[in-house]
Amino acid sequence: MRVLIEVLHIVAGLLAAVLIASLAAWSYRRATHDIWLVAYVAMVAVVAMGIGPLRRAYAEDRARLHGNQEARDD
């Protein structure tokens, strides 16, 4: 369940980045290329920052399924 929550957080961050970038590109057409470039970098950062919590959530879910709190591998 925790893995699903972490994935939803990453998806929410990506959707927020797309929404902000699309509105910014719409409002200032001269810099559309630059705005989307920065948005893509921000999306990569969102995914990269979500990897650690996602790994921890996976380890905790796996330990809970196996009934062993010592089974974490993070």
PDB file of N, CA and C in Angstrom:
ATOM      1  N   MET A   1       0.822  -1.195   0.000  1.00  0.00           N
ATOM      2  CA  MET A   1       0.000   0.000   0.000  1.00  0.00           C
ATOM      3  C   MET A   1       0.867   1.261   0.000  1.00  0.00           C
ATOM      4  N   ARG A   2       1.981   1.207   0.742  1.00  0.00           N
ATOM      5  CA  ARG A   2       2.848   2.382   0.796  1.00  0.00           C
ATOM      6  C   ARG A   2       3.488   2.668  -0.558  1.00  0.00           C
ATOM      7  N   VAL A   3       3.760   1.603  -1.303  1.00  0.00           N
ATOM      8  CA  VAL A   3       4.338   1.796  -2.639  1.00  0.00           C
ATOM      9  C   VAL A   3       3.353   2.558  -3.519  1.00  0.00           C
ATOM     10  N   LEU A   4       2.097   2.189  -3.447  1.00  0.00           N
ATOM     11  CA  LEU A   4       1.068   2.880  -4.230  1.00  0.00           C
ATOM     12  C   LEU A   4       0.991   4.357  -3.853  1.00  0.00           C
ATOM     13  N   ILE A   5       1.078   4.652  -2.572  1.00  0.00           N
ATOM     14  CA  ILE A   5       1.035   6.049  -2.124  1.00  0.00           C
ATOM     15  C   ILE A   5       2.230   6.822  -2.663  1.00  0.00           C
ATOM     16  N   GLU A   6       3.412   6.217  -2.619  1.00  0.00           N
ATOM     17  CA  GLU A   6       4.606   6.897  -3.138  1.00  0.00           C
ATOM     18  C   GLU A   6       4.512   7.110  -4.649  1.00  0.00           C
ATOM     19  N   VAL A   7       4.003   6.129  -5.368  1.00  0.00           N
ATOM     20  CA  VAL A   7       3.836   6.276  -6.822  1.00  0.00           C
ATOM     21  C   VAL A   7       2.833   7.383  -7.127  1.00  0.00           C
ATOM     22  N   LEU A   8       1.768   7.448  -6.342  1.00  0.00           N
ATOM     23  CA  LEU A   8       0.788   8.521  -6.544  1.00  0.00           C
ATOM     24  C   LEU A   8       1.389   9.892  -6.254  1.00  0.00           C
ATOM     25  N   HIS A   9       2.283   9.977  -5.274  1.00  0.00           N
ATOM     26  CA  HIS A   9       2.961  11.250  -5.015  1.00  0.00           C
ATOM     27  C   HIS A   9       3.835  11.658  -6.205  1.00  0.00           C
ATOM     28  N   ILE A  10       4.536  10.703  -6.779  1.00  0.00           N
ATOM     29  CA  ILE A  10       5.371  11.004  -7.948  1.00  0.00           C
ATOM     30  C   ILE A  10       4.495  11.449  -9.118  1.00  0.00           C
ATOM     31  N   VAL A  11       3.410  10.745  -9.352  1.00  0.00           N
ATOM     32  CA  VAL A  11       2.495  11.105 -10.445  1.00  0.00           C
ATOM     33  C   VAL A  11       1.905  12.493 -10.218  1.00  0.00           C
ATOM     34  N   ALA A  12       1.548  12.796  -8.976  1.00  0.00           N
ATOM     35  CA  ALA A  12       1.006  14.129  -8.675  1.00  0.00           C
ATOM     36  C   ALA A  12       2.046  15.210  -8.949  1.00  0.00           C
ATOM     37  N   GLY A  13       3.300  14.952  -8.605  1.00  0.00           N
ATOM     38  CA  GLY A  13       4.362  15.913  -8.890  1.00  0.00           C
ATOM     39  C   GLY A  13       4.569  16.117 -10.380  1.00  0.00           C
ATOM     40  N   LEU A  14       4.496  15.030 -11.140  1.00  0.00           N
ATOM     41  CA  LEU A  14       4.642  15.144 -12.590  1.00  0.00           C
ATOM     42  C   LEU A  14       3.473  15.901 -13.215  1.00  0.00           C
ATOM     43  N   LEU A  15       2.280  15.614 -12.750  1.00  0.00           N
ATOM     44  CA  LEU A  15       1.112  16.341 -13.269  1.00  0.00           C
ATOM     45  C   LEU A  15       1.171  17.826 -12.924  1.00  0.00           C
ATOM     46  N   ALA A  16       1.632  18.142 -11.729  1.00  0.00           N
ATOM     47  CA  ALA A  16       1.771  19.552 -11.348  1.00  0.00           C
ATOM     48  C   ALA A  16       2.803  20.248 -12.229  1.00  0.00           C
ATOM     49  N   ALA A  17       3.909  19.564 -12.519  1.00  0.00           N
ATOM     50  CA  ALA A  17       4.934  20.157 -13.380  1.00  0.00           C
ATOM     51  C   ALA A  17       4.398  20.390 -14.788  1.00  0.00           C
ATOM     52  N   VAL A  18       3.643  19.436 -15.308  1.00  0.00           N
ATOM     53  CA  VAL A  18       3.066  19.593 -16.649  1.00  0.00           C
ATOM     54  C   VAL A  18       2.063  20.739 -16.672  1.00  0.00           C
ATOM     55  N   LEU A  19       1.228  20.825 -15.652  1.00  0.00           N
ATOM     56  CA  LEU A  19       0.233  21.897 -15.594  1.00  0.00           C
ATOM     57  C   LEU A  19       0.900  23.266 -15.524  1.00  0.00           C
ATOM     58  N   ILE A  20       1.875  23.407 -14.649  1.00  0.00           N
ATOM     59  CA  ILE A  20       2.563  24.695 -14.508  1.00  0.00           C
ATOM     60  C   ILE A  20       3.299  25.053 -15.792  1.00  0.00           C
ATOM     61  N   ALA A  21       3.977  24.071 -16.399  1.00  0.00           N
ATOM     62  CA  ALA A  21       4.719  24.347 -17.630  1.00  0.00           C
ATOM     63  C   ALA A  21       3.786  24.704 -18.778  1.00  0.00           C
ATOM     64  N   SER A  22       2.677  24.008 -18.885  1.00  0.00           N
ATOM     65  CA  SER A  22       1.770  24.316 -19.992  1.00  0.00           C
ATOM     66  C   SER A  22       1.155  25.701 -19.833  1.00  0.00           C
ATOM     67  N   LEU A  23       0.807  26.075 -18.614  1.00  0.00           N
ATOM     68  CA  LEU A  23       0.275  27.424 -18.399  1.00  0.00           C
ATOM     69  C   LEU A  23       1.342  28.491 -18.637  1.00  0.00           C
ATOM     70  N   ALA A  24       2.561  28.211 -18.212  1.00  0.00           N
ATOM     71  CA  ALA A  24       3.643  29.174 -18.432  1.00  0.00           C
ATOM     72  C   ALA A  24       3.960  29.307 -19.921  1.00  0.00           C
ATOM     73  N   ALA A  25       3.994  28.184 -20.631  1.00  0.00           N
ATOM     74  CA  ALA A  25       4.273  28.230 -22.067  1.00  0.00           C
ATOM     75  C   ALA A  25       3.149  28.928 -22.822  1.00  0.00           C
ATOM     76  N   TRP A  26       1.924  28.751 -22.369  1.00  0.00           N
ATOM     77  CA  TRP A  26       0.799  29.427 -23.000  1.00  0.00           C
ATOM     78  C   TRP A  26       0.863  30.935 -22.774  1.00  0.00           C
ATOM     79  N   SER A  27       1.290  31.336 -21.591  1.00  0.00           N
ATOM     80  CA  SER A  27       1.269  32.766 -21.277  1.00  0.00           C
ATOM     81  C   SER A  27       2.461  33.522 -21.860  1.00  0.00           C
ATOM     82  N   TYR A  28       3.565  32.826 -22.122  1.00  0.00           N
ATOM     83  CA  TYR A  28       4.742  33.506 -22.658  1.00  0.00           C
ATOM     84  C   TYR A  28       5.300  32.655 -23.792  1.00  0.00           C
ATOM     85  N   ARG A  29       4.767  32.873 -24.985  1.00  0.00           N
ATOM     86  CA  ARG A  29       5.058  32.006 -26.121  1.00  0.00           C
ATOM     87  C   ARG A  29       6.498  32.088 -26.621  1.00  0.00           C
ATOM     88  N   ARG A  30       7.156  33.189 -26.390  1.00  0.00           N
ATOM     89  CA  ARG A  30       8.535  33.311 -26.873  1.00  0.00           C
ATOM     90  C   ARG A  30       9.472  32.320 -26.199  1.00  0.00           C
ATOM     91  N   ALA A  31       9.179  31.985 -24.961  1.00  0.00           N
ATOM     92  CA  ALA A  31      10.070  31.121 -24.189  1.00  0.00           C
ATOM     93  C   ALA A  31       9.522  29.703 -24.037  1.00  0.00           C
ATOM     94  N   THR A  32       8.675  29.292 -24.944  1.00  0.00           N
ATOM     95  CA  THR A  32       8.051  27.976 -24.822  1.00  0.00           C
ATOM     96  C   THR A  32       9.086  26.861 -24.749  1.00  0.00           C
ATOM     97  N   HIS A  33      10.083  26.918 -25.604  1.00  0.00           N
ATOM     98  CA  HIS A  33      11.122  25.878 -25.609  1.00  0.00           C
ATOM     99  C   HIS A  33      11.859  25.848 -24.273  1.00  0.00           C
ATOM    100  N   ASP A  34      12.242  27.002 -23.784  1.00  0.00           N
ATOM    101  CA  ASP A  34      12.971  27.066 -22.516  1.00  0.00           C
ATOM    102  C   ASP A  34      12.108  26.626 -21.337  1.00  0.00           C
ATOM    103  N   ILE A  35      10.852  27.004 -21.363  1.00  0.00           N
ATOM    104  CA  ILE A  35       9.944  26.611 -20.276  1.00  0.00           C
ATOM    105  C   ILE A  35       9.809  25.098 -20.233  1.00  0.00           C
ATOM    106  N   TRP A  36       9.628  24.467 -21.377  1.00  0.00           N
ATOM    107  CA  TRP A  36       9.485  23.013 -21.386  1.00  0.00           C
ATOM    108  C   TRP A  36      10.791  22.319 -21.035  1.00  0.00           C
ATOM    109  N   LEU A  37      11.916  22.907 -21.407  1.00  0.00           N
ATOM    110  CA  LEU A  37      13.207  22.333 -21.016  1.00  0.00           C
ATOM    111  C   LEU A  37      13.345  22.308 -19.495  1.00  0.00           C
ATOM    112  N   VAL A  38      13.021  23.417 -18.860  1.00  0.00           N
ATOM    113  CA  VAL A  38      13.075  23.484 -17.397  1.00  0.00           C
ATOM    114  C   VAL A  38      12.049  22.532 -16.785  1.00  0.00           C
ATOM    115  N   ALA A  39      10.893  22.419 -17.390  1.00  0.00           N
ATOM    116  CA  ALA A  39       9.868  21.507 -16.875  1.00  0.00           C
ATOM    117  C   ALA A  39      10.334  20.055 -16.949  1.00  0.00           C
ATOM    118  N   TYR A  40      10.996  19.681 -18.048  1.00  0.00           N
ATOM    119  CA  TYR A  40      11.496  18.310 -18.162  1.00  0.00           C
ATOM    120  C   TYR A  40      12.560  18.029 -17.110  1.00  0.00           C
ATOM    121  N   VAL A  41      13.418  18.998 -16.864  1.00  0.00           N
ATOM    122  CA  VAL A  41      14.433  18.834 -15.816  1.00  0.00           C
ATOM    123  C   VAL A  41      13.762  18.703 -14.451  1.00  0.00           C
ATOM    124  N   ALA A  42      12.731  19.488 -14.213  1.00  0.00           N
ATOM    125  CA  ALA A  42      11.997  19.392 -12.946  1.00  0.00           C
ATOM    126  C   ALA A  42      11.314  18.035 -12.814  1.00  0.00           C
ATOM    127  N   MET A  43      10.796  17.502 -13.913  1.00  0.00           N
ATOM    128  CA  MET A  43      10.157  16.189 -13.860  1.00  0.00           C
ATOM    129  C   MET A  43      11.167  15.092 -13.553  1.00  0.00           C
ATOM    130  N   VAL A  44      12.347  15.194 -14.133  1.00  0.00           N
ATOM    131  CA  VAL A  44      13.403  14.228 -13.818  1.00  0.00           C
ATOM    132  C   VAL A  44      13.773  14.327 -12.341  1.00  0.00           C
ATOM    133  N   ALA A  45      13.836  15.544 -11.817  1.00  0.00           N
ATOM    134  CA  ALA A  45      14.148  15.731 -10.402  1.00  0.00           C
ATOM    135  C   ALA A  45      13.054  15.147  -9.509  1.00  0.00           C
ATOM    136  N   VAL A  46      11.806  15.303  -9.894  1.00  0.00           N
ATOM    137  CA  VAL A  46      10.697  14.737  -9.111  1.00  0.00           C
ATOM    138  C   VAL A  46      10.820  13.219  -9.052  1.00  0.00           C
ATOM    139  N   VAL A  47      11.102  12.601 -10.185  1.00  0.00           N
ATOM    140  CA  VAL A  47      11.247  11.144 -10.214  1.00  0.00           C
ATOM    141  C   VAL A  47      12.472  10.718  -9.405  1.00  0.00           C
ATOM    142  N   ALA A  48      13.583  11.428  -9.569  1.00  0.00           N
ATOM    143  CA  ALA A  48      14.802  11.074  -8.833  1.00  0.00           C
ATOM    144  C   ALA A  48      14.607  11.207  -7.325  1.00  0.00           C
ATOM    145  N   MET A  49      13.906  12.248  -6.894  1.00  0.00           N
ATOM    146  CA  MET A  49      13.666  12.417  -5.462  1.00  0.00           C
ATOM    147  C   MET A  49      12.653  11.413  -4.930  1.00  0.00           C
ATOM    148  N   GLY A  50      11.867  10.813  -5.800  1.00  0.00           N
ATOM    149  CA  GLY A  50      10.892   9.825  -5.359  1.00  0.00           C
ATOM    150  C   GLY A  50      11.426   8.409  -5.280  1.00  0.00           C
ATOM    151  N   ILE A  51      12.623   8.174  -5.808  1.00  0.00           N
ATOM    152  CA  ILE A  51      13.167   6.820  -5.827  1.00  0.00           C
ATOM    153  C   ILE A  51      13.485   6.321  -4.420  1.00  0.00           C
ATOM    154  N   GLY A  52      14.108   7.152  -3.601  1.00  0.00           N
ATOM    155  CA  GLY A  52      14.454   6.738  -2.238  1.00  0.00           C
ATOM    156  C   GLY A  52      13.236   6.370  -1.404  1.00  0.00           C
ATOM    157  N   PRO A  53      12.243   7.258  -1.312  1.00  0.00           N
ATOM    158  CA  PRO A  53      11.035   6.891  -0.568  1.00  0.00           C
ATOM    159  C   PRO A  53      10.311   5.681  -1.160  1.00  0.00           C
ATOM    160  N   LEU A  54      10.375   5.528  -2.476  1.00  0.00           N
ATOM    161  CA  LEU A  54       9.734   4.379  -3.110  1.00  0.00           C
ATOM    162  C   LEU A  54      10.432   3.079  -2.713  1.00  0.00           C
ATOM    163  N   ARG A  55      11.749   3.088  -2.664  1.00  0.00           N
ATOM    164  CA  ARG A  55      12.501   1.904  -2.238  1.00  0.00           C
ATOM    165  C   ARG A  55      12.209   1.559  -0.788  1.00  0.00           C
ATOM    166  N   ARG A  56      12.160   2.576   0.076  1.00  0.00           N
ATOM    167  CA  ARG A  56      11.850   2.326   1.489  1.00  0.00           C
ATOM    168  C   ARG A  56      10.438   1.771   1.652  1.00  0.00           C
ATOM    169  N   ALA A  57       9.496   2.324   0.912  1.00  0.00           N
ATOM    170  CA  ALA A  57       8.116   1.839   0.991  1.00  0.00           C
ATOM    171  C   ALA A  57       8.020   0.397   0.498  1.00  0.00           C
ATOM    172  N   TYR A  58       8.747   0.075  -0.552  1.00  0.00           N
ATOM    173  CA  TYR A  58       8.750  -1.298  -1.060  1.00  0.00           C
ATOM    174  C   TYR A  58       9.310  -2.261  -0.020  1.00  0.00           C
ATOM    175  N   ALA A  59      10.415  -1.867   0.622  1.00  0.00           N
ATOM    176  CA  ALA A  59      11.021  -2.726   1.638  1.00  0.00           C
ATOM    177  C   ALA A  59      10.084  -2.911   2.829  1.00  0.00           C
ATOM    178  N   GLU A  60       9.413  -1.851   3.244  1.00  0.00           N
ATOM    179  CA  GLU A  60       8.485  -1.958   4.371  1.00  0.00           C
ATOM    180  C   GLU A  60       7.268  -2.805   4.013  1.00  0.00           C
ATOM    181  N   ASP A  61       6.751  -2.647   2.811  1.00  0.00           N
ATOM    182  CA  ASP A  61       5.614  -3.471   2.390  1.00  0.00           C
ATOM    183  C   ASP A  61       6.009  -4.940   2.289  1.00  0.00           C
ATOM    184  N   ARG A  62       7.187  -5.197   1.756  1.00  0.00           N
ATOM    185  CA  ARG A  62       7.650  -6.576   1.634  1.00  0.00           C
ATOM    186  C   ARG A  62       7.868  -7.202   3.005  1.00  0.00           C
ATOM    187  N   ALA A  63       8.444  -6.434   3.932  1.00  0.00           N
ATOM    188  CA  ALA A  63       8.649  -6.946   5.285  1.00  0.00           C
ATOM    189  C   ALA A  63       7.316  -7.215   5.968  1.00  0.00           C
ATOM    190  N   ARG A  64       6.359  -6.357   5.748  1.00  0.00           N
ATOM    191  CA  ARG A  64       5.045  -6.555   6.365  1.00  0.00           C
ATOM    192  C   ARG A  64       4.346  -7.787   5.784  1.00  0.00           C
ATOM    193  N   LEU A  65       4.492  -8.009   4.475  1.00  0.00           N
ATOM    194  CA  LEU A  65       3.873  -9.187   3.867  1.00  0.00           C
ATOM    195  C   LEU A  65       4.492 -10.479   4.374  1.00  0.00           C
ATOM    196  N   HIS A  66       5.795 -10.455   4.607  1.00  0.00           N
ATOM    197  CA  HIS A  66       6.480 -11.648   5.096  1.00  0.00           C
ATOM    198  C   HIS A  66       6.422 -11.762   6.613  1.00  0.00           C
ATOM    199  N   GLY A  67       5.882 -10.757   7.280  1.00  0.00           N
ATOM    200  CA  GLY A  67       5.758 -10.797   8.726  1.00  0.00           C
ATOM    201  C   GLY A  67       7.064 -10.634   9.466  1.00  0.00           C
ATOM    202  N   ASN A  68       8.048 -10.027   8.818  1.00  0.00           N
ATOM    203  CA  ASN A  68       9.367  -9.890   9.431  1.00  0.00           C
ATOM    204  C   ASN A  68       9.835  -8.458   9.256  1.00  0.00           C
ATOM    205  N   GLN A  69      10.047  -7.760  10.334  1.00  0.00           N
ATOM    206  CA  GLN A  69      10.510  -6.373  10.259  1.00  0.00           C
ATOM    207  C   GLN A  69      12.001  -6.291   9.949  1.00  0.00           C
ATOM    208  N   GLU A  70      12.740  -7.391  10.035  1.00  0.00           N
ATOM    209  CA  GLU A  70      14.177  -7.389   9.773  1.00  0.00           C
ATOM    210  C   GLU A  70      14.502  -7.593   8.294  1.00  0.00           C
ATOM    211  N   ALA A  71      13.516  -7.764   7.452  1.00  0.00           N
ATOM    212  CA  ALA A  71      13.747  -8.102   6.049  1.00  0.00           C
ATOM    213  C   ALA A  71      13.981  -6.889   5.166  1.00  0.00           C
ATOM    214  N   ARG A  72      14.198  -5.726   5.751  1.00  0.00           N
ATOM    215  CA  ARG A  72      14.404  -4.522   4.938  1.00  0.00           C
ATOM    216  C   ARG A  72      15.778  -4.558   4.291  1.00  0.00           C
ATOM    217  N   ASP A  73      15.866  -4.094   3.063  1.00  0.00           N
ATOM    218  CA  ASP A  73      17.149  -4.087   2.353  1.00  0.00           C
ATOM    219  C   ASP A  73      17.524  -2.690   1.868  1.00  0.00           C
ATOM    220  N   ASP A  74      17.187  -1.677   2.644  1.00  0.00           N
ATOM    221  CA  ASP A  74      17.539  -0.318   2.227  1.00  0.00           C
ATOM    222  C   ASP A  74      18.626   0.241   3.026  1.00  0.00           C
TER     223      ASP A  74
END
